[in-house]
Amino acid sequence: MNEYFDNLLKATGNEFGSKVSDGVEAGDVSGYIDTGSYILNALISGDIYGGIPTNKITAFAGETATG
């Protein structure tokens, strides 16, 4: 993905163009918060011992009074 943005910046020819990077790739997860439910952990992280990623913004939404 970085190569794509590098090529895009070169193609624009903008001398002031740059990209911001925090050093964390999109798929990097530093740890998990256990949800207390093996099924929910598996749905969110792909591992029954995982859960909600600690270095990602996560939001849960649903219909009123469904959970």
N, C-alpha and C. Protein backbone atom coordinates (compact mmCIF):
# COMPACT_ATOMS: atom_id res chain seq x y z
N MET A 1 0.82 -1.19 0.00
CA MET A 1 0.00 0.00 0.00
C MET A 1 0.87 1.26 0.00
N ASN A 2 2.00 1.22 0.71
CA ASN A 2 2.88 2.38 0.73
C ASN A 2 3.41 2.72 -0.65
N GLU A 3 3.71 1.68 -1.42
CA GLU A 3 4.21 1.91 -2.78
C GLU A 3 3.16 2.60 -3.64
N TYR A 4 1.90 2.24 -3.44
CA TYR A 4 0.80 2.86 -4.18
C TYR A 4 0.76 4.36 -3.91
N PHE A 5 0.84 4.74 -2.63
CA PHE A 5 0.79 6.16 -2.28
C PHE A 5 2.04 6.90 -2.75
N ASP A 6 3.18 6.24 -2.71
CA ASP A 6 4.41 6.86 -3.22
C ASP A 6 4.26 7.18 -4.71
N ASN A 7 3.74 6.22 -5.47
CA ASN A 7 3.53 6.43 -6.90
C ASN A 7 2.49 7.51 -7.16
N LEU A 8 1.45 7.55 -6.34
CA LEU A 8 0.41 8.56 -6.48
C LEU A 8 0.97 9.96 -6.24
N LEU A 9 1.80 10.11 -5.22
CA LEU A 9 2.43 11.40 -4.95
C LEU A 9 3.33 11.85 -6.08
N LYS A 10 4.08 10.90 -6.65
CA LYS A 10 4.96 11.23 -7.78
C LYS A 10 4.13 11.67 -8.99
N ALA A 11 3.01 10.98 -9.22
CA ALA A 11 2.17 11.28 -10.38
C ALA A 11 1.52 12.65 -10.28
N THR A 12 1.22 13.12 -9.08
CA THR A 12 0.58 14.43 -8.92
C THR A 12 1.55 15.56 -9.21
N GLY A 13 2.84 15.33 -8.97
CA GLY A 13 3.83 16.36 -9.22
C GLY A 13 3.78 17.50 -8.21
N ASN A 14 3.08 17.32 -7.12
CA ASN A 14 2.97 18.35 -6.08
C ASN A 14 4.20 18.30 -5.19
N GLU A 15 4.98 19.38 -5.19
CA GLU A 15 6.21 19.39 -4.39
C GLU A 15 5.92 19.43 -2.89
N PHE A 16 4.71 19.83 -2.50
CA PHE A 16 4.36 19.91 -1.09
C PHE A 16 3.60 18.68 -0.60
N GLY A 17 3.30 17.76 -1.51
CA GLY A 17 2.57 16.55 -1.14
C GLY A 17 3.41 15.63 -0.27
N SER A 18 2.78 15.03 0.70
CA SER A 18 3.46 14.07 1.57
C SER A 18 2.42 13.14 2.17
N LYS A 19 2.88 12.11 2.82
CA LYS A 19 1.97 11.19 3.48
C LYS A 19 2.33 11.11 4.96
N VAL A 20 1.33 10.84 5.75
CA VAL A 20 1.52 10.74 7.19
C VAL A 20 1.49 9.27 7.57
N SER A 21 2.40 8.85 8.42
CA SER A 21 2.46 7.47 8.86
C SER A 21 2.78 7.44 10.34
N ASP A 22 2.07 6.60 11.07
CA ASP A 22 2.34 6.48 12.50
C ASP A 22 3.21 5.28 12.81
N GLY A 23 3.68 4.59 11.79
CA GLY A 23 4.55 3.44 12.00
C GLY A 23 3.80 2.15 12.27
N VAL A 24 2.49 2.19 12.26
CA VAL A 24 1.68 1.01 12.51
C VAL A 24 0.94 0.67 11.23
N GLU A 25 1.15 -0.52 10.74
CA GLU A 25 0.44 -0.96 9.54
C GLU A 25 -1.02 -1.21 9.88
N ALA A 26 -1.86 -1.23 8.87
CA ALA A 26 -3.30 -1.35 9.08
C ALA A 26 -3.68 -2.63 9.82
N GLY A 27 -2.97 -3.71 9.59
CA GLY A 27 -3.33 -4.97 10.22
C GLY A 27 -2.63 -5.26 11.53
N ASP A 28 -1.72 -4.39 11.95
CA ASP A 28 -0.97 -4.62 13.19
C ASP A 28 -1.85 -4.41 14.41
N VAL A 29 -1.86 -5.38 15.28
CA VAL A 29 -2.62 -5.29 16.53
C VAL A 29 -1.66 -5.57 17.67
N SER A 30 -1.60 -4.66 18.63
CA SER A 30 -0.65 -4.82 19.73
C SER A 30 -1.19 -5.73 20.83
N GLY A 31 -2.49 -5.88 20.93
CA GLY A 31 -3.08 -6.73 21.95
C GLY A 31 -4.59 -6.74 21.83
N TYR A 32 -5.23 -7.51 22.68
CA TYR A 32 -6.68 -7.64 22.64
C TYR A 32 -7.29 -7.46 24.02
N ILE A 33 -8.53 -7.00 24.04
CA ILE A 33 -9.32 -6.94 25.27
C ILE A 33 -10.35 -8.05 25.17
N ASP A 34 -10.33 -8.97 26.10
CA ASP A 34 -11.26 -10.10 26.11
C ASP A 34 -12.68 -9.59 26.34
N THR A 35 -13.63 -10.08 25.54
CA THR A 35 -15.02 -9.67 25.69
C THR A 35 -15.76 -10.51 26.71
N GLY A 36 -15.18 -11.63 27.12
CA GLY A 36 -15.85 -12.53 28.03
C GLY A 36 -16.67 -13.58 27.31
N SER A 37 -16.71 -13.51 25.99
CA SER A 37 -17.46 -14.46 25.18
C SER A 37 -16.54 -15.03 24.10
N TYR A 38 -16.33 -16.35 24.14
CA TYR A 38 -15.48 -16.98 23.13
C TYR A 38 -16.01 -16.75 21.72
N ILE A 39 -17.32 -16.81 21.56
CA ILE A 39 -17.92 -16.64 20.23
C ILE A 39 -17.70 -15.22 19.72
N LEU A 40 -17.94 -14.22 20.58
CA LEU A 40 -17.73 -12.83 20.17
C LEU A 40 -16.25 -12.56 19.91
N ASN A 41 -15.37 -13.10 20.73
CA ASN A 41 -13.93 -12.95 20.49
C ASN A 41 -13.56 -13.49 19.12
N ALA A 42 -14.07 -14.67 18.78
CA ALA A 42 -13.76 -15.30 17.50
C ALA A 42 -14.32 -14.48 16.33
N LEU A 43 -15.50 -13.93 16.49
CA LEU A 43 -16.09 -13.12 15.42
C LEU A 43 -15.30 -11.84 15.18
N ILE A 44 -14.82 -11.23 16.25
CA ILE A 44 -14.12 -9.96 16.13
C ILE A 44 -12.67 -10.14 15.68
N SER A 45 -11.96 -11.09 16.31
CA SER A 45 -10.52 -11.19 16.08
C SER A 45 -10.08 -12.43 15.31
N GLY A 46 -10.98 -13.40 15.15
CA GLY A 46 -10.59 -14.64 14.48
C GLY A 46 -9.97 -15.65 15.41
N ASP A 47 -9.96 -15.37 16.71
CA ASP A 47 -9.37 -16.26 17.70
C ASP A 47 -10.25 -16.22 18.95
N ILE A 48 -10.55 -17.39 19.51
CA ILE A 48 -11.43 -17.40 20.69
C ILE A 48 -10.79 -16.75 21.90
N TYR A 49 -9.47 -16.62 21.89
CA TYR A 49 -8.77 -15.98 23.01
C TYR A 49 -8.43 -14.52 22.71
N GLY A 50 -8.83 -14.01 21.56
CA GLY A 50 -8.57 -12.62 21.17
C GLY A 50 -9.60 -11.69 21.77
N GLY A 51 -10.25 -10.95 20.92
CA GLY A 51 -11.27 -10.00 21.37
C GLY A 51 -11.18 -8.70 20.60
N ILE A 52 -11.34 -7.59 21.33
CA ILE A 52 -11.32 -6.26 20.73
C ILE A 52 -9.88 -5.76 20.66
N PRO A 53 -9.39 -5.35 19.50
CA PRO A 53 -8.02 -4.85 19.39
C PRO A 53 -7.80 -3.62 20.27
N THR A 54 -6.66 -3.56 20.97
CA THR A 54 -6.41 -2.44 21.88
C THR A 54 -5.95 -1.18 21.17
N ASN A 55 -5.36 -1.30 19.98
CA ASN A 55 -4.86 -0.11 19.30
C ASN A 55 -5.72 0.29 18.10
N LYS A 56 -6.99 -0.06 18.14
CA LYS A 56 -7.93 0.30 17.08
C LYS A 56 -9.15 0.96 17.70
N ILE A 57 -9.83 1.78 16.92
CA ILE A 57 -11.08 2.37 17.37
C ILE A 57 -12.19 1.40 17.00
N THR A 58 -12.96 0.99 17.99
CA THR A 58 -14.01 0.00 17.78
C THR A 58 -15.34 0.54 18.29
N ALA A 59 -16.39 0.38 17.51
CA ALA A 59 -17.72 0.81 17.93
C ALA A 59 -18.71 -0.31 17.67
N PHE A 60 -19.61 -0.50 18.58
CA PHE A 60 -20.68 -1.48 18.43
C PHE A 60 -21.99 -0.73 18.28
N ALA A 61 -22.81 -1.18 17.35
CA ALA A 61 -24.09 -0.51 17.13
C ALA A 61 -25.15 -1.56 16.83
N GLY A 62 -26.37 -1.22 17.14
CA GLY A 62 -27.46 -2.14 16.87
C GLY A 62 -28.79 -1.50 17.19
N GLU A 63 -29.83 -2.24 16.97
CA GLU A 63 -31.17 -1.75 17.28
C GLU A 63 -31.33 -1.57 18.78
N THR A 64 -32.18 -0.68 19.17
CA THR A 64 -32.47 -0.42 20.57
C THR A 64 -33.04 -1.66 21.24
N ALA A 65 -32.55 -1.97 22.44
CA ALA A 65 -33.05 -3.07 23.28
C ALA A 65 -32.80 -4.45 22.68
N THR A 66 -31.75 -4.62 21.85
CA THR A 66 -31.45 -5.94 21.30
C THR A 66 -30.31 -6.62 22.03
N GLY A 67 -29.69 -5.96 22.95
CA GLY A 67 -28.56 -6.61 23.60
C GLY A 67 -28.39 -6.17 24.99
